Amino acid sequence: MYDYNNEEENKKHYGQPNPPLYNMTSIPHDLPLFLSYGGADALSDVNDVKLLLESLKDHEGDKLVVQYRQDYAHADYVMGENAGQVLYEPLMSFFKLQ
């Protein structure tokens, strides 16, 4: 959930001073998910991704693809010279199968 960084705003929207945690296990197990993350990404911690993957462990195997790019940082997903080939082609292939 979005954190307004203001207790009053959070209370207005959520009825509590902090935003509630989103229960990732409530994502339908048959929802197609393509998750790609990079080892050089300072904005998306690998340990956080591992926690996310743990919460998705019951997801249907053919509905979840995880792609790890050791050399990718956050902006590489948009501006990487080879992003089309190594990221977007596999992503589009995955969704065409769904």
PDB file of N, CA and C in Angstrom:
ATOM      1  N   MET A   1       0.830  -1.176   0.000  1.00  0.00           N
ATOM      2  CA  MET A   1       0.000   0.000   0.000  1.00  0.00           C
ATOM      3  C   MET A   1       0.885   1.253   0.000  1.00  0.00           C
ATOM      4  N   TYR A   2       0.333   2.337  -0.472  1.00  0.00           N
ATOM      5  CA  TYR A   2       1.061   3.595  -0.554  1.00  0.00           C
ATOM      6  C   TYR A   2       1.184   4.218   0.833  1.00  0.00           C
ATOM      7  N   ASP A   3       2.376   4.679   1.177  1.00  0.00           N
ATOM      8  CA  ASP A   3       2.607   5.361   2.443  1.00  0.00           C
ATOM      9  C   ASP A   3       2.637   6.860   2.170  1.00  0.00           C
ATOM     10  N   TYR A   4       1.699   7.573   2.760  1.00  0.00           N
ATOM     11  CA  TYR A   4       1.615   9.022   2.565  1.00  0.00           C
ATOM     12  C   TYR A   4       2.671   9.783   3.363  1.00  0.00           C
ATOM     13  N   ASN A   5       3.473   9.052   4.152  1.00  0.00           N
ATOM     14  CA  ASN A   5       4.509   9.651   5.002  1.00  0.00           C
ATOM     15  C   ASN A   5       3.943  10.727   5.914  1.00  0.00           C
ATOM     16  N   ASN A   6       2.685  10.535   6.273  1.00  0.00           N
ATOM     17  CA  ASN A   6       1.991  11.463   7.157  1.00  0.00           C
ATOM     18  C   ASN A   6       0.923  10.644   7.887  1.00  0.00           C
ATOM     19  N   GLU A   7       1.029  10.576   9.199  1.00  0.00           N
ATOM     20  CA  GLU A   7       0.106   9.735   9.966  1.00  0.00           C
ATOM     21  C   GLU A   7      -1.347  10.113   9.742  1.00  0.00           C
ATOM     22  N   GLU A   8      -1.635  11.399   9.654  1.00  0.00           N
ATOM     23  CA  GLU A   8      -3.017  11.834   9.460  1.00  0.00           C
ATOM     24  C   GLU A   8      -3.559  11.393   8.097  1.00  0.00           C
ATOM     25  N   GLU A   9      -2.731  11.549   7.053  1.00  0.00           N
ATOM     26  CA  GLU A   9      -3.163  11.108   5.721  1.00  0.00           C
ATOM     27  C   GLU A   9      -3.352   9.595   5.685  1.00  0.00           C
ATOM     28  N   ASN A  10      -2.410   8.871   6.294  1.00  0.00           N
ATOM     29  CA  ASN A  10      -2.556   7.414   6.344  1.00  0.00           C
ATOM     30  C   ASN A  10      -3.826   7.024   7.096  1.00  0.00           C
ATOM     31  N   LYS A  11      -4.112   7.712   8.206  1.00  0.00           N
ATOM     32  CA  LYS A  11      -5.330   7.420   8.972  1.00  0.00           C
ATOM     33  C   LYS A  11      -6.578   7.704   8.141  1.00  0.00           C
ATOM     34  N   LYS A  12      -6.535   8.783   7.360  1.00  0.00           N
ATOM     35  CA  LYS A  12      -7.673   9.141   6.523  1.00  0.00           C
ATOM     36  C   LYS A  12      -7.968   8.034   5.499  1.00  0.00           C
ATOM     37  N   HIS A  13      -6.917   7.474   4.924  1.00  0.00           N
ATOM     38  CA  HIS A  13      -7.086   6.476   3.865  1.00  0.00           C
ATOM     39  C   HIS A  13      -7.202   5.045   4.380  1.00  0.00           C
ATOM     40  N   TYR A  14      -6.480   4.746   5.476  1.00  0.00           N
ATOM     41  CA  TYR A  14      -6.405   3.358   5.935  1.00  0.00           C
ATOM     42  C   TYR A  14      -6.972   3.122   7.330  1.00  0.00           C
ATOM     43  N   GLY A  15      -7.281   4.214   8.048  1.00  0.00           N
ATOM     44  CA  GLY A  15      -7.786   4.052   9.410  1.00  0.00           C
ATOM     45  C   GLY A  15      -6.708   3.682  10.412  1.00  0.00           C
ATOM     46  N   GLN A  16      -5.466   3.888  10.056  1.00  0.00           N
ATOM     47  CA  GLN A  16      -4.338   3.591  10.948  1.00  0.00           C
ATOM     48  C   GLN A  16      -3.155   4.461  10.540  1.00  0.00           C
ATOM     49  N   PRO A  17      -2.175   4.660  11.436  1.00  0.00           N
ATOM     50  CA  PRO A  17      -1.068   5.579  11.150  1.00  0.00           C
ATOM     51  C   PRO A  17      -0.100   5.101  10.071  1.00  0.00           C
ATOM     52  N   ASN A  18      -0.061   3.807   9.833  1.00  0.00           N
ATOM     53  CA  ASN A  18       0.820   3.248   8.813  1.00  0.00           C
ATOM     54  C   ASN A  18      -0.006   2.471   7.795  1.00  0.00           C
ATOM     55  N   PRO A  19       0.440   2.447   6.542  1.00  0.00           N
ATOM     56  CA  PRO A  19      -0.321   1.679   5.547  1.00  0.00           C
ATOM     57  C   PRO A  19      -0.286   0.192   5.901  1.00  0.00           C
ATOM     58  N   PRO A  20      -1.366  -0.528   5.603  1.00  0.00           N
ATOM     59  CA  PRO A  20      -1.366  -1.962   5.879  1.00  0.00           C
ATOM     60  C   PRO A  20      -0.447  -2.691   4.900  1.00  0.00           C
ATOM     61  N   LEU A  21       0.058  -3.813   5.336  1.00  0.00           N
ATOM     62  CA  LEU A  21       0.867  -4.637   4.447  1.00  0.00           C
ATOM     63  C   LEU A  21      -0.049  -5.327   3.450  1.00  0.00           C
ATOM     64  N   TYR A  22       0.409  -5.463   2.236  1.00  0.00           N
ATOM     65  CA  TYR A  22      -0.373  -6.171   1.232  1.00  0.00           C
ATOM     66  C   TYR A  22      -0.029  -7.651   1.329  1.00  0.00           C
ATOM     67  N   ASN A  23      -1.039  -8.481   1.444  1.00  0.00           N
ATOM     68  CA  ASN A  23      -0.843  -9.917   1.545  1.00  0.00           C
ATOM     69  C   ASN A  23      -0.622 -10.489   0.147  1.00  0.00           C
ATOM     70  N   MET A  24       0.628 -10.720  -0.201  1.00  0.00           N
ATOM     71  CA  MET A  24       0.958 -11.202  -1.537  1.00  0.00           C
ATOM     72  C   MET A  24       0.420 -12.605  -1.790  1.00  0.00           C
ATOM     73  N   THR A  25       0.165 -13.363  -0.747  1.00  0.00           N
ATOM     74  CA  THR A  25      -0.392 -14.708  -0.937  1.00  0.00           C
ATOM     75  C   THR A  25      -1.836 -14.659  -1.412  1.00  0.00           C
ATOM     76  N   SER A  26      -2.442 -13.469  -1.386  1.00  0.00           N
ATOM     77  CA  SER A  26      -3.817 -13.351  -1.866  1.00  0.00           C
ATOM     78  C   SER A  26      -3.884 -13.195  -3.392  1.00  0.00           C
ATOM     79  N   ILE A  27      -2.741 -13.081  -4.041  1.00  0.00           N
ATOM     80  CA  ILE A  27      -2.717 -13.033  -5.506  1.00  0.00           C
ATOM     81  C   ILE A  27      -3.181 -14.400  -6.009  1.00  0.00           C
ATOM     82  N   PRO A  28      -4.148 -14.445  -6.906  1.00  0.00           N
ATOM     83  CA  PRO A  28      -4.616 -15.745  -7.405  1.00  0.00           C
ATOM     84  C   PRO A  28      -3.456 -16.580  -7.962  1.00  0.00           C
ATOM     85  N   HIS A  29      -3.421 -17.845  -7.599  1.00  0.00           N
ATOM     86  CA  HIS A  29      -2.318 -18.733  -7.973  1.00  0.00           C
ATOM     87  C   HIS A  29      -2.256 -19.011  -9.465  1.00  0.00           C
ATOM     88  N   ASP A  30      -3.336 -18.688 -10.185  1.00  0.00           N
ATOM     89  CA  ASP A  30      -3.337 -18.928 -11.629  1.00  0.00           C
ATOM     90  C   ASP A  30      -3.174 -17.637 -12.441  1.00  0.00           C
ATOM     91  N   LEU A  31      -2.840 -16.544 -11.772  1.00  0.00           N
ATOM     92  CA  LEU A  31      -2.612 -15.275 -12.457  1.00  0.00           C
ATOM     93  C   LEU A  31      -1.217 -15.283 -13.084  1.00  0.00           C
ATOM     94  N   PRO A  32      -1.087 -15.083 -14.378  1.00  0.00           N
ATOM     95  CA  PRO A  32       0.239 -15.074 -14.994  1.00  0.00           C
ATOM     96  C   PRO A  32       1.111 -13.944 -14.442  1.00  0.00           C
ATOM     97  N   LEU A  33       2.305 -14.311 -13.982  1.00  0.00           N
ATOM     98  CA  LEU A  33       3.253 -13.341 -13.438  1.00  0.00           C
ATOM     99  C   LEU A  33       4.625 -13.568 -14.058  1.00  0.00           C
ATOM    100  N   PHE A  34       5.199 -12.521 -14.583  1.00  0.00           N
ATOM    101  CA  PHE A  34       6.566 -12.539 -15.098  1.00  0.00           C
ATOM    102  C   PHE A  34       7.349 -11.578 -14.223  1.00  0.00           C
ATOM    103  N   LEU A  35       8.257 -12.103 -13.428  1.00  0.00           N
ATOM    104  CA  LEU A  35       9.004 -11.296 -12.470  1.00  0.00           C
ATOM    105  C   LEU A  35      10.461 -11.260 -12.884  1.00  0.00           C
ATOM    106  N   SER A  36      10.957 -10.084 -13.184  1.00  0.00           N
ATOM    107  CA  SER A  36      12.348  -9.919 -13.577  1.00  0.00           C
ATOM    108  C   SER A  36      13.006  -8.930 -12.619  1.00  0.00           C
ATOM    109  N   TYR A  37      14.203  -9.279 -12.175  1.00  0.00           N
ATOM    110  CA  TYR A  37      14.917  -8.380 -11.268  1.00  0.00           C
ATOM    111  C   TYR A  37      16.411  -8.473 -11.525  1.00  0.00           C
ATOM    112  N   GLY A  38      17.125  -7.435 -11.105  1.00  0.00           N
ATOM    113  CA  GLY A  38      18.551  -7.353 -11.400  1.00  0.00           C
ATOM    114  C   GLY A  38      19.419  -7.316 -10.163  1.00  0.00           C
ATOM    115  N   GLY A  39      20.591  -7.899 -10.293  1.00  0.00           N
ATOM    116  CA  GLY A  39      21.544  -7.938  -9.190  1.00  0.00           C
ATOM    117  C   GLY A  39      22.213  -6.613  -8.908  1.00  0.00           C
ATOM    118  N   ALA A  40      22.166  -5.685  -9.846  1.00  0.00           N
ATOM    119  CA  ALA A  40      22.803  -4.383  -9.665  1.00  0.00           C
ATOM    120  C   ALA A  40      21.777  -3.288  -9.369  1.00  0.00           C
ATOM    121  N   ASP A  41      20.557  -3.676  -9.017  1.00  0.00           N
ATOM    122  CA  ASP A  41      19.472  -2.715  -8.788  1.00  0.00           C
ATOM    123  C   ASP A  41      19.476  -2.237  -7.339  1.00  0.00           C
ATOM    124  N   ALA A  42      19.812  -0.966  -7.127  1.00  0.00           N
ATOM    125  CA  ALA A  42      19.854  -0.399  -5.780  1.00  0.00           C
ATOM    126  C   ALA A  42      18.460  -0.088  -5.248  1.00  0.00           C
ATOM    127  N   LEU A  43      17.454  -0.073  -6.114  1.00  0.00           N
ATOM    128  CA  LEU A  43      16.090   0.253  -5.684  1.00  0.00           C
ATOM    129  C   LEU A  43      15.240  -0.984  -5.401  1.00  0.00           C
ATOM    130  N   SER A  44      15.671  -2.123  -5.860  1.00  0.00           N
ATOM    131  CA  SER A  44      14.945  -3.362  -5.649  1.00  0.00           C
ATOM    132  C   SER A  44      15.914  -4.381  -5.065  1.00  0.00           C
ATOM    133  N   ASP A  45      15.894  -4.520  -3.768  1.00  0.00           N
ATOM    134  CA  ASP A  45      16.833  -5.372  -3.059  1.00  0.00           C
ATOM    135  C   ASP A  45      16.570  -6.848  -3.360  1.00  0.00           C
ATOM    136  N   VAL A  46      17.616  -7.590  -3.650  1.00  0.00           N
ATOM    137  CA  VAL A  46      17.499  -9.013  -3.962  1.00  0.00           C
ATOM    138  C   VAL A  46      16.844  -9.768  -2.812  1.00  0.00           C
ATOM    139  N   ASN A  47      17.153  -9.402  -1.585  1.00  0.00           N
ATOM    140  CA  ASN A  47      16.534 -10.074  -0.427  1.00  0.00           C
ATOM    141  C   ASN A  47      15.030  -9.820  -0.373  1.00  0.00           C
ATOM    142  N   ASP A  48      14.608  -8.623  -0.752  1.00  0.00           N
ATOM    143  CA  ASP A  48      13.169  -8.332  -0.804  1.00  0.00           C
ATOM    144  C   ASP A  48      12.487  -9.172  -1.882  1.00  0.00           C
ATOM    145  N   VAL A  49      13.160  -9.343  -3.006  1.00  0.00           N
ATOM    146  CA  VAL A  49      12.605 -10.173  -4.078  1.00  0.00           C
ATOM    147  C   VAL A  49      12.489 -11.614  -3.595  1.00  0.00           C
ATOM    148  N   LYS A  50      13.479 -12.091  -2.848  1.00  0.00           N
ATOM    149  CA  LYS A  50      13.419 -13.450  -2.307  1.00  0.00           C
ATOM    150  C   LYS A  50      12.226 -13.613  -1.366  1.00  0.00           C
ATOM    151  N   LEU A  51      11.947 -12.592  -0.567  1.00  0.00           N
ATOM    152  CA  LEU A  51      10.757 -12.638   0.296  1.00  0.00           C
ATOM    153  C   LEU A  51       9.480 -12.698  -0.533  1.00  0.00           C
ATOM    154  N   LEU A  52       9.440 -11.903  -1.591  1.00  0.00           N
ATOM    155  CA  LEU A  52       8.288 -11.931  -2.490  1.00  0.00           C
ATOM    156  C   LEU A  52       8.124 -13.322  -3.101  1.00  0.00           C
ATOM    157  N   LEU A  53       9.213 -13.894  -3.578  1.00  0.00           N
ATOM    158  CA  LEU A  53       9.147 -15.216  -4.189  1.00  0.00           C
ATOM    159  C   LEU A  53       8.693 -16.269  -3.191  1.00  0.00           C
ATOM    160  N   GLU A  54       9.102 -16.126  -1.959  1.00  0.00           N
ATOM    161  CA  GLU A  54       8.651 -17.066  -0.926  1.00  0.00           C
ATOM    162  C   GLU A  54       7.136 -16.989  -0.759  1.00  0.00           C
ATOM    163  N   SER A  55       6.588 -15.785  -0.827  1.00  0.00           N
ATOM    164  CA  SER A  55       5.138 -15.632  -0.681  1.00  0.00           C
ATOM    165  C   SER A  55       4.378 -16.143  -1.903  1.00  0.00           C
ATOM    166  N   LEU A  56       5.091 -16.327  -3.018  1.00  0.00           N
ATOM    167  CA  LEU A  56       4.480 -16.827  -4.255  1.00  0.00           C
ATOM    168  C   LEU A  56       4.788 -18.305  -4.490  1.00  0.00           C
ATOM    169  N   LYS A  57       5.300 -18.991  -3.489  1.00  0.00           N
ATOM    170  CA  LYS A  57       5.755 -20.375  -3.679  1.00  0.00           C
ATOM    171  C   LYS A  57       4.644 -21.330  -4.080  1.00  0.00           C
ATOM    172  N   ASP A  58       3.383 -20.998  -3.786  1.00  0.00           N
ATOM    173  CA  ASP A  58       2.264 -21.860  -4.159  1.00  0.00           C
ATOM    174  C   ASP A  58       1.662 -21.494  -5.514  1.00  0.00           C
ATOM    175  N   HIS A  59       2.290 -20.563  -6.199  1.00  0.00           N
ATOM    176  CA  HIS A  59       1.795 -20.138  -7.511  1.00  0.00           C
ATOM    177  C   HIS A  59       1.943 -21.290  -8.507  1.00  0.00           C
ATOM    178  N   GLU A  60       1.003 -21.418  -9.417  1.00  0.00           N
ATOM    179  CA  GLU A  60       1.086 -22.468 -10.424  1.00  0.00           C
ATOM    180  C   GLU A  60       2.352 -22.292 -11.255  1.00  0.00           C
ATOM    181  N   GLY A  61       3.108 -23.380 -11.399  1.00  0.00           N
ATOM    182  CA  GLY A  61       4.425 -23.339 -12.034  1.00  0.00           C
ATOM    183  C   GLY A  61       4.456 -22.739 -13.419  1.00  0.00           C
ATOM    184  N   ASP A  62       3.459 -23.030 -14.234  1.00  0.00           N
ATOM    185  CA  ASP A  62       3.467 -22.497 -15.595  1.00  0.00           C
ATOM    186  C   ASP A  62       2.930 -21.073 -15.670  1.00  0.00           C
ATOM    187  N   LYS A  63       2.520 -20.528 -14.544  1.00  0.00           N
ATOM    188  CA  LYS A  63       1.983 -19.163 -14.501  1.00  0.00           C
ATOM    189  C   LYS A  63       2.971 -18.170 -13.901  1.00  0.00           C
ATOM    190  N   LEU A  64       4.124 -18.662 -13.457  1.00  0.00           N
ATOM    191  CA  LEU A  64       5.121 -17.790 -12.836  1.00  0.00           C
ATOM    192  C   LEU A  64       6.475 -18.019 -13.489  1.00  0.00           C
ATOM    193  N   VAL A  65       7.028 -16.956 -14.051  1.00  0.00           N
ATOM    194  CA  VAL A  65       8.380 -16.987 -14.606  1.00  0.00           C
ATOM    195  C   VAL A  65       9.205 -15.962 -13.838  1.00  0.00           C
ATOM    196  N   VAL A  66      10.368 -16.390 -13.391  1.00  0.00           N
ATOM    197  CA  VAL A  66      11.287 -15.499 -12.677  1.00  0.00           C
ATOM    198  C   VAL A  66      12.557 -15.393 -13.497  1.00  0.00           C
ATOM    199  N   GLN A  67      12.919 -14.162 -13.794  1.00  0.00           N
ATOM    200  CA  GLN A  67      14.117 -13.892 -14.577  1.00  0.00           C
ATOM    201  C   GLN A  67      15.044 -13.019 -13.733  1.00  0.00           C
ATOM    202  N   TYR A  68      16.257 -13.492 -13.520  1.00  0.00           N
ATOM    203  CA  TYR A  68      17.258 -12.740 -12.776  1.00  0.00           C
ATOM    204  C   TYR A  68      18.376 -12.332 -13.721  1.00  0.00           C
ATOM    205  N   ARG A  69      18.680 -11.046 -13.741  1.00  0.00           N
ATOM    206  CA  ARG A  69      19.771 -10.507 -14.563  1.00  0.00           C
ATOM    207  C   ARG A  69      20.817  -9.911 -13.620  1.00  0.00           C
ATOM    208  N   GLN A  70      21.896 -10.624 -13.402  1.00  0.00           N
ATOM    209  CA  GLN A  70      22.951 -10.186 -12.485  1.00  0.00           C
ATOM    210  C   GLN A  70      23.458  -8.790 -12.819  1.00  0.00           C
ATOM    211  N   ASP A  71      23.563  -8.481 -14.105  1.00  0.00           N
ATOM    212  CA  ASP A  71      24.170  -7.229 -14.565  1.00  0.00           C
ATOM    213  C   ASP A  71      23.181  -6.076 -14.697  1.00  0.00           C
ATOM    214  N   TYR A  72      21.927  -6.283 -14.365  1.00  0.00           N
ATOM    215  CA  TYR A  72      20.913  -5.247 -14.582  1.00  0.00           C
ATOM    216  C   TYR A  72      20.638  -4.411 -13.335  1.00  0.00           C
ATOM    217  N   ALA A  73      20.569  -3.090 -13.553  1.00  0.00           N
ATOM    218  CA  ALA A  73      20.166  -2.141 -12.524  1.00  0.00           C
ATOM    219  C   ALA A  73      18.765  -1.649 -12.879  1.00  0.00           C
ATOM    220  N   HIS A  74      18.220  -0.779 -12.071  1.00  0.00           N
ATOM    221  CA  HIS A  74      16.833  -0.350 -12.226  1.00  0.00           C
ATOM    222  C   HIS A  74      16.556   0.267 -13.601  1.00  0.00           C
ATOM    223  N   ALA A  75      17.388   1.183 -14.020  1.00  0.00           N
ATOM    224  CA  ALA A  75      17.152   1.885 -15.288  1.00  0.00           C
ATOM    225  C   ALA A  75      17.415   1.007 -16.510  1.00  0.00           C
ATOM    226  N   ASP A  76      18.150  -0.082 -16.329  1.00  0.00           N
ATOM    227  CA  ASP A  76      18.431  -0.961 -17.463  1.00  0.00           C
ATOM    228  C   ASP A  76      17.162  -1.584 -18.030  1.00  0.00           C
ATOM    229  N   TYR A  77      16.132  -1.688 -17.222  1.00  0.00           N
ATOM    230  CA  TYR A  77      14.875  -2.262 -17.710  1.00  0.00           C
ATOM    231  C   TYR A  77      14.188  -1.349 -18.724  1.00  0.00           C
ATOM    232  N   VAL A  78      14.560  -0.097 -18.715  1.00  0.00           N
ATOM    233  CA  VAL A  78      14.003   0.853 -19.673  1.00  0.00           C
ATOM    234  C   VAL A  78      15.029   1.235 -20.730  1.00  0.00           C
ATOM    235  N   MET A  79      16.266   1.443 -20.305  1.00  0.00           N
ATOM    236  CA  MET A  79      17.275   2.000 -21.205  1.00  0.00           C
ATOM    237  C   MET A  79      18.376   1.027 -21.603  1.00  0.00           C
ATOM    238  N   GLY A  80      18.318  -0.205 -21.135  1.00  0.00           N
ATOM    239  CA  GLY A  80      19.363  -1.169 -21.465  1.00  0.00           C
ATOM    240  C   GLY A  80      19.435  -1.432 -22.964  1.00  0.00           C
ATOM    241  N   GLU A  81      20.638  -1.427 -23.494  1.00  0.00           N
ATOM    242  CA  GLU A  81      20.818  -1.628 -24.935  1.00  0.00           C
ATOM    243  C   GLU A  81      20.261  -2.967 -25.409  1.00  0.00           C
ATOM    244  N   ASN A  82      20.296  -3.972 -24.554  1.00  0.00           N
ATOM    245  CA  ASN A  82      19.814  -5.288 -24.939  1.00  0.00           C
ATOM    246  C   ASN A  82      18.491  -5.654 -24.254  1.00  0.00           C
ATOM    247  N   ALA A  83      17.815  -4.677 -23.681  1.00  0.00           N
ATOM    248  CA  ALA A  83      16.570  -4.949 -22.955  1.00  0.00           C
ATOM    249  C   ALA A  83      15.513  -5.595 -23.845  1.00  0.00           C
ATOM    250  N   GLY A  84      15.427  -5.167 -25.076  1.00  0.00           N
ATOM    251  CA  GLY A  84      14.440  -5.754 -25.983  1.00  0.00           C
ATOM    252  C   GLY A  84      14.644  -7.246 -26.143  1.00  0.00           C
ATOM    253  N   GLN A  85      15.893  -7.629 -26.312  1.00  0.00           N
ATOM    254  CA  GLN A  85      16.210  -9.036 -26.555  1.00  0.00           C
ATOM    255  C   GLN A  85      16.135  -9.876 -25.286  1.00  0.00           C
ATOM    256  N   VAL A  86      16.744  -9.401 -24.194  1.00  0.00           N
ATOM    257  CA  VAL A  86      16.855 -10.256 -23.006  1.00  0.00           C
ATOM    258  C   VAL A  86      15.683 -10.132 -22.038  1.00  0.00           C
ATOM    259  N   LEU A  87      14.911  -9.052 -22.162  1.00  0.00           N
ATOM    260  CA  LEU A  87      13.786  -8.860 -21.245  1.00  0.00           C
ATOM    261  C   LEU A  87      12.436  -8.925 -21.937  1.00  0.00           C
ATOM    262  N   TYR A  88      12.266  -8.081 -22.937  1.00  0.00           N
ATOM    263  CA  TYR A  88      10.931  -7.912 -23.507  1.00  0.00           C
ATOM    264  C   TYR A  88      10.515  -9.045 -24.435  1.00  0.00           C
ATOM    265  N   GLU A  89      11.462  -9.631 -25.159  1.00  0.00           N
ATOM    266  CA  GLU A  89      11.089 -10.784 -25.985  1.00  0.00           C
ATOM    267  C   GLU A  89      10.618 -11.958 -25.120  1.00  0.00           C
ATOM    268  N   PRO A  90      11.349 -12.331 -24.059  1.00  0.00           N
ATOM    269  CA  PRO A  90      10.847 -13.407 -23.197  1.00  0.00           C
ATOM    270  C   PRO A  90       9.522 -13.043 -22.510  1.00  0.00           C
ATOM    271  N   LEU A  91       9.373 -11.791 -22.137  1.00  0.00           N
ATOM    272  CA  LEU A  91       8.125 -11.347 -21.511  1.00  0.00           C
ATOM    273  C   LEU A  91       6.944 -11.520 -22.463  1.00  0.00           C
ATOM    274  N   MET A  92       7.097 -11.067 -23.682  1.00  0.00           N
ATOM    275  CA  MET A  92       6.013 -11.177 -24.660  1.00  0.00           C
ATOM    276  C   MET A  92       5.732 -12.638 -24.998  1.00  0.00           C
ATOM    277  N   SER A  93       6.758 -13.459 -25.088  1.00  0.00           N
ATOM    278  CA  SER A  93       6.562 -14.881 -25.347  1.00  0.00           C
ATOM    279  C   SER A  93       5.768 -15.526 -24.211  1.00  0.00           C
ATOM    280  N   PHE A  94       6.088 -15.164 -22.994  1.00  0.00           N
ATOM    281  CA  PHE A  94       5.365 -15.694 -21.837  1.00  0.00           C
ATOM    282  C   PHE A  94       3.878 -15.353 -21.931  1.00  0.00           C
ATOM    283  N   PHE A  95       3.573 -14.111 -22.189  1.00  0.00           N
ATOM    284  CA  PHE A  95       2.149 -13.705 -22.219  1.00  0.00           C
ATOM    285  C   PHE A  95       1.413 -14.277 -23.433  1.00  0.00           C
ATOM    286  N   LYS A  96       2.119 -14.523 -24.513  1.00  0.00           N
ATOM    287  CA  LYS A  96       1.466 -15.154 -25.673  1.00  0.00           C
ATOM    288  C   LYS A  96       1.031 -16.584 -25.352  1.00  0.00           C
ATOM    289  N   LEU A  97       1.739 -17.220 -24.426  1.00  0.00           N
ATOM    290  CA  LEU A  97       1.387 -18.589 -24.026  1.00  0.00           C
ATOM    291  C   LEU A  97       0.228 -18.641 -23.044  1.00  0.00           C
ATOM    292  N   GLN A  98      -0.122 -17.517 -22.474  1.00  0.00           N
ATOM    293  CA  GLN A  98      -1.147 -17.519 -21.411  1.00  0.00           C
ATOM    294  C   GLN A  98      -2.551 -17.442 -21.960  1.00  0.00           C
TER     295      GLN A  98
END
